[in-house]
Amino acid sequence: MGRYDGSMRMSDPNGPVLGVLVDLTEERMILHTDSTVLGDWRLSELLIRGEDDGFHIRVEGEEAIIQTNDDAGMALELGLRSASPRLRRQMASRNR
C-alpha cells in the first residue's frame, strides 16, 4: 500500500493546518508528522468520504479533513465507492 504527503485540519475551517504523511499499510491508516504519530487505526474503524475539499475522515467522534499529493491514488487504494464529482473524474482518469 502507499504513502501520501498531504495536509490535515480538523473540521473547523479556521483551525490550524498540519503537514502530514498518510501511510496505508496492512489494512491500517497511520497518520504522522515529521516527529509525531497522530493516529494509527484499522481502516474498518474509519468512516471516509471523498469530498471536494479532501477526504473527510471520522474517527473517535472527531472529523479530520485530509488533502494529499495524490487524492485519486489514495481513493482507489482505499476502495472508495462514493466520492465528489471532481474526485470521481480524477479516479476515472487514473484508471485509464
N, C-alpha and C. Protein backbone atom coordinates (compact mmCIF):
# COMPACT_ATOMS: atom_id res chain seq x y z
N MET A 1 0.83 -1.18 0.00
CA MET A 1 0.00 0.00 0.00
C MET A 1 0.88 1.24 0.00
N GLY A 2 0.26 2.41 -0.12
CA GLY A 2 1.01 3.62 -0.39
C GLY A 2 1.21 4.57 0.77
N ARG A 3 2.01 5.56 0.45
CA ARG A 3 2.27 6.67 1.37
C ARG A 3 1.97 7.95 0.61
N TYR A 4 1.28 8.85 1.28
CA TYR A 4 0.82 10.07 0.63
C TYR A 4 1.17 11.27 1.50
N ASP A 5 1.89 12.24 0.90
CA ASP A 5 2.15 13.50 1.58
C ASP A 5 0.89 14.35 1.48
N GLY A 6 0.62 15.11 2.53
CA GLY A 6 -0.57 15.94 2.47
C GLY A 6 -0.66 16.92 3.62
N SER A 7 -1.87 17.41 3.80
CA SER A 7 -2.16 18.33 4.89
C SER A 7 -3.43 17.88 5.57
N MET A 8 -3.56 18.23 6.84
CA MET A 8 -4.72 17.85 7.62
C MET A 8 -5.18 19.01 8.47
N ARG A 9 -6.49 19.12 8.56
CA ARG A 9 -7.08 20.07 9.50
C ARG A 9 -8.31 19.41 10.09
N MET A 10 -8.73 19.88 11.20
CA MET A 10 -9.96 19.39 11.78
C MET A 10 -11.12 20.07 11.05
N SER A 11 -12.34 19.67 11.32
CA SER A 11 -13.48 20.18 10.56
C SER A 11 -13.70 21.68 10.74
N ASP A 12 -13.11 22.30 11.76
CA ASP A 12 -13.19 23.75 11.94
C ASP A 12 -12.37 24.43 10.85
N PRO A 13 -13.00 25.19 9.94
CA PRO A 13 -12.25 25.79 8.83
C PRO A 13 -11.20 26.80 9.27
N ASN A 14 -11.29 27.30 10.49
CA ASN A 14 -10.32 28.28 10.98
C ASN A 14 -9.20 27.63 11.79
N GLY A 15 -9.24 26.32 11.92
CA GLY A 15 -8.23 25.63 12.70
C GLY A 15 -6.90 25.55 11.98
N PRO A 16 -5.85 25.14 12.70
CA PRO A 16 -4.52 25.04 12.08
C PRO A 16 -4.46 23.90 11.06
N VAL A 17 -3.56 24.04 10.12
CA VAL A 17 -3.32 23.02 9.11
C VAL A 17 -1.95 22.41 9.39
N LEU A 18 -1.91 21.07 9.44
CA LEU A 18 -0.66 20.36 9.69
C LEU A 18 -0.20 19.63 8.44
N GLY A 19 1.09 19.63 8.19
CA GLY A 19 1.64 18.77 7.15
C GLY A 19 1.69 17.35 7.69
N VAL A 20 1.19 16.39 6.93
CA VAL A 20 1.13 15.00 7.41
C VAL A 20 1.60 14.04 6.32
N LEU A 21 1.93 12.85 6.77
CA LEU A 21 2.19 11.72 5.89
C LEU A 21 1.14 10.68 6.23
N VAL A 22 0.40 10.23 5.21
CA VAL A 22 -0.61 9.19 5.38
C VAL A 22 0.00 7.90 4.88
N ASP A 23 0.11 6.92 5.76
CA ASP A 23 0.69 5.63 5.44
C ASP A 23 -0.43 4.59 5.47
N LEU A 24 -0.75 4.03 4.32
CA LEU A 24 -1.76 2.98 4.24
C LEU A 24 -1.02 1.65 4.09
N THR A 25 -1.09 0.84 5.12
CA THR A 25 -0.38 -0.43 5.10
C THR A 25 -1.11 -1.46 5.92
N GLU A 26 -1.20 -2.66 5.40
CA GLU A 26 -1.79 -3.78 6.12
C GLU A 26 -3.14 -3.44 6.73
N GLU A 27 -4.02 -2.86 5.91
CA GLU A 27 -5.38 -2.51 6.35
C GLU A 27 -5.41 -1.51 7.50
N ARG A 28 -4.39 -0.65 7.56
CA ARG A 28 -4.31 0.38 8.59
C ARG A 28 -4.03 1.72 7.95
N MET A 29 -4.41 2.79 8.64
CA MET A 29 -4.02 4.14 8.27
C MET A 29 -3.21 4.68 9.44
N ILE A 30 -1.97 5.04 9.13
CA ILE A 30 -1.10 5.67 10.12
C ILE A 30 -0.87 7.09 9.65
N LEU A 31 -1.15 8.03 10.50
CA LEU A 31 -1.08 9.45 10.18
C LEU A 31 0.00 10.06 11.06
N HIS A 32 1.01 10.67 10.44
CA HIS A 32 2.05 11.28 11.27
C HIS A 32 2.64 12.53 10.63
N THR A 33 3.23 13.33 11.50
CA THR A 33 4.00 14.49 11.08
C THR A 33 5.45 14.03 11.02
N ASP A 34 6.37 14.96 10.84
CA ASP A 34 7.78 14.60 10.82
C ASP A 34 8.23 13.93 12.12
N SER A 35 7.62 14.33 13.23
CA SER A 35 8.12 13.85 14.52
C SER A 35 7.11 13.12 15.39
N THR A 36 5.83 13.11 15.01
CA THR A 36 4.80 12.59 15.90
C THR A 36 3.80 11.71 15.14
N VAL A 37 3.45 10.57 15.72
CA VAL A 37 2.36 9.77 15.18
C VAL A 37 1.07 10.36 15.73
N LEU A 38 0.21 10.82 14.82
CA LEU A 38 -1.06 11.43 15.22
C LEU A 38 -2.15 10.38 15.42
N GLY A 39 -2.04 9.26 14.72
CA GLY A 39 -3.04 8.22 14.85
C GLY A 39 -2.64 6.97 14.10
N ASP A 40 -3.13 5.85 14.57
CA ASP A 40 -2.89 4.55 13.94
C ASP A 40 -4.17 3.76 14.11
N TRP A 41 -4.93 3.60 13.01
CA TRP A 41 -6.25 2.97 13.10
C TRP A 41 -6.39 1.88 12.06
N ARG A 42 -7.21 0.90 12.34
CA ARG A 42 -7.64 -0.06 11.33
C ARG A 42 -8.57 0.69 10.38
N LEU A 43 -8.48 0.41 9.10
CA LEU A 43 -9.35 1.09 8.13
C LEU A 43 -10.81 0.84 8.45
N SER A 44 -11.12 -0.31 9.01
CA SER A 44 -12.51 -0.63 9.35
C SER A 44 -13.06 0.27 10.46
N GLU A 45 -12.18 0.96 11.19
CA GLU A 45 -12.62 1.87 12.25
C GLU A 45 -12.98 3.25 11.71
N LEU A 46 -12.62 3.52 10.48
CA LEU A 46 -12.74 4.87 9.92
C LEU A 46 -13.94 4.98 9.00
N LEU A 47 -14.58 6.12 9.04
CA LEU A 47 -15.61 6.47 8.07
C LEU A 47 -14.98 7.52 7.17
N ILE A 48 -14.79 7.19 5.89
CA ILE A 48 -14.06 8.07 4.97
C ILE A 48 -14.96 8.45 3.81
N ARG A 49 -15.06 9.76 3.57
CA ARG A 49 -15.81 10.29 2.44
C ARG A 49 -14.89 11.16 1.59
N GLY A 50 -14.96 11.00 0.29
CA GLY A 50 -14.20 11.85 -0.62
C GLY A 50 -15.03 13.04 -1.01
N GLU A 51 -14.66 14.22 -0.55
CA GLU A 51 -15.40 15.45 -0.84
C GLU A 51 -14.52 16.39 -1.67
N ASP A 52 -15.09 17.51 -2.12
CA ASP A 52 -14.33 18.47 -2.93
C ASP A 52 -13.12 19.03 -2.19
N ASP A 53 -13.22 19.18 -0.89
CA ASP A 53 -12.12 19.78 -0.13
C ASP A 53 -11.18 18.75 0.48
N GLY A 54 -11.33 17.48 0.12
CA GLY A 54 -10.43 16.45 0.63
C GLY A 54 -11.18 15.26 1.19
N PHE A 55 -10.44 14.39 1.85
CA PHE A 55 -11.03 13.22 2.49
C PHE A 55 -11.52 13.61 3.87
N HIS A 56 -12.80 13.41 4.12
CA HIS A 56 -13.35 13.64 5.45
C HIS A 56 -13.28 12.30 6.18
N ILE A 57 -12.49 12.28 7.23
CA ILE A 57 -12.26 11.04 7.96
C ILE A 57 -12.79 11.20 9.36
N ARG A 58 -13.76 10.36 9.70
CA ARG A 58 -14.38 10.39 11.02
C ARG A 58 -13.87 9.21 11.82
N VAL A 59 -13.33 9.53 13.00
CA VAL A 59 -12.81 8.50 13.90
C VAL A 59 -12.87 9.03 15.32
N GLU A 60 -13.24 8.16 16.22
CA GLU A 60 -13.27 8.50 17.65
C GLU A 60 -14.08 9.77 17.92
N GLY A 61 -15.17 9.98 17.18
CA GLY A 61 -16.04 11.12 17.41
C GLY A 61 -15.54 12.44 16.85
N GLU A 62 -14.44 12.43 16.15
CA GLU A 62 -13.86 13.65 15.55
C GLU A 62 -13.82 13.49 14.04
N GLU A 63 -13.78 14.62 13.34
CA GLU A 63 -13.63 14.58 11.89
C GLU A 63 -12.44 15.41 11.47
N ALA A 64 -11.57 14.80 10.69
CA ALA A 64 -10.41 15.48 10.12
C ALA A 64 -10.59 15.53 8.61
N ILE A 65 -10.01 16.54 7.99
CA ILE A 65 -10.05 16.68 6.54
C ILE A 65 -8.61 16.62 6.05
N ILE A 66 -8.36 15.67 5.16
CA ILE A 66 -7.01 15.44 4.66
C ILE A 66 -7.00 15.63 3.15
N GLN A 67 -6.03 16.39 2.67
CA GLN A 67 -5.76 16.52 1.24
C GLN A 67 -4.38 15.94 1.01
N THR A 68 -4.20 15.21 -0.11
CA THR A 68 -2.91 14.59 -0.37
C THR A 68 -2.35 15.02 -1.72
N ASN A 69 -1.12 14.62 -1.97
CA ASN A 69 -0.49 14.88 -3.25
C ASN A 69 -1.05 13.98 -4.35
N ASP A 70 -1.85 12.97 -3.98
CA ASP A 70 -2.45 12.05 -4.95
C ASP A 70 -3.79 11.56 -4.42
N ASP A 71 -4.78 12.45 -4.41
CA ASP A 71 -6.10 12.08 -3.88
C ASP A 71 -6.71 10.90 -4.63
N ALA A 72 -6.56 10.89 -5.96
CA ALA A 72 -7.15 9.80 -6.75
C ALA A 72 -6.50 8.47 -6.41
N GLY A 73 -5.18 8.45 -6.28
CA GLY A 73 -4.49 7.21 -5.92
C GLY A 73 -4.90 6.71 -4.55
N MET A 74 -5.02 7.61 -3.60
CA MET A 74 -5.43 7.21 -2.26
C MET A 74 -6.87 6.70 -2.27
N ALA A 75 -7.76 7.38 -3.00
CA ALA A 75 -9.15 6.94 -3.07
C ALA A 75 -9.25 5.54 -3.67
N LEU A 76 -8.50 5.29 -4.74
CA LEU A 76 -8.51 3.97 -5.36
C LEU A 76 -7.95 2.92 -4.41
N GLU A 77 -6.89 3.26 -3.72
CA GLU A 77 -6.29 2.32 -2.76
C GLU A 77 -7.25 2.00 -1.62
N LEU A 78 -7.99 3.00 -1.18
CA LEU A 78 -8.96 2.79 -0.11
C LEU A 78 -10.21 2.06 -0.60
N GLY A 79 -10.40 2.02 -1.92
CA GLY A 79 -11.58 1.38 -2.48
C GLY A 79 -12.85 2.19 -2.26
N LEU A 80 -12.71 3.53 -2.26
CA LEU A 80 -13.89 4.38 -2.07
C LEU A 80 -14.89 4.14 -3.18
N ARG A 81 -16.12 3.98 -2.82
CA ARG A 81 -17.18 3.73 -3.79
C ARG A 81 -17.97 5.00 -4.10
N SER A 82 -17.93 5.98 -3.22
CA SER A 82 -18.61 7.24 -3.49
C SER A 82 -17.63 8.37 -3.22
N ALA A 83 -17.68 9.35 -4.09
CA ALA A 83 -16.77 10.49 -3.96
C ALA A 83 -17.40 11.68 -4.67
N SER A 84 -16.82 12.84 -4.46
CA SER A 84 -17.29 14.05 -5.14
C SER A 84 -17.06 13.89 -6.64
N PRO A 85 -17.79 14.64 -7.45
CA PRO A 85 -17.58 14.56 -8.91
C PRO A 85 -16.13 14.80 -9.32
N ARG A 86 -15.48 15.78 -8.69
CA ARG A 86 -14.08 16.07 -9.00
C ARG A 86 -13.20 14.87 -8.75
N LEU A 87 -13.36 14.24 -7.60
CA LEU A 87 -12.53 13.09 -7.25
C LEU A 87 -12.88 11.89 -8.14
N ARG A 88 -14.14 11.71 -8.47
CA ARG A 88 -14.52 10.61 -9.37
C ARG A 88 -13.86 10.77 -10.73
N ARG A 89 -13.81 12.01 -11.25
CA ARG A 89 -13.14 12.26 -12.54
C ARG A 89 -11.66 11.93 -12.44
N GLN A 90 -11.02 12.32 -11.34
CA GLN A 90 -9.60 12.02 -11.16
C GLN A 90 -9.36 10.51 -11.08
N MET A 91 -10.25 9.81 -10.38
CA MET A 91 -10.12 8.36 -10.24
C MET A 91 -10.29 7.69 -11.60
N ALA A 92 -11.27 8.14 -12.38
CA ALA A 92 -11.52 7.56 -13.71
C ALA A 92 -10.32 7.80 -14.63
N SER A 93 -9.77 9.00 -14.57
CA SER A 93 -8.61 9.32 -15.38
C SER A 93 -7.43 8.45 -14.99
N ARG A 94 -7.27 8.22 -13.73
CA ARG A 94 -6.17 7.39 -13.22
C ARG A 94 -6.31 5.94 -13.67
N ASN A 95 -7.54 5.45 -13.81
CA ASN A 95 -7.78 4.07 -14.21
C ASN A 95 -7.58 3.83 -15.69
N ARG A 96 -7.51 4.89 -16.49
CA ARG A 96 -7.36 4.72 -17.95
C ARG A 96 -5.97 4.35 -18.32
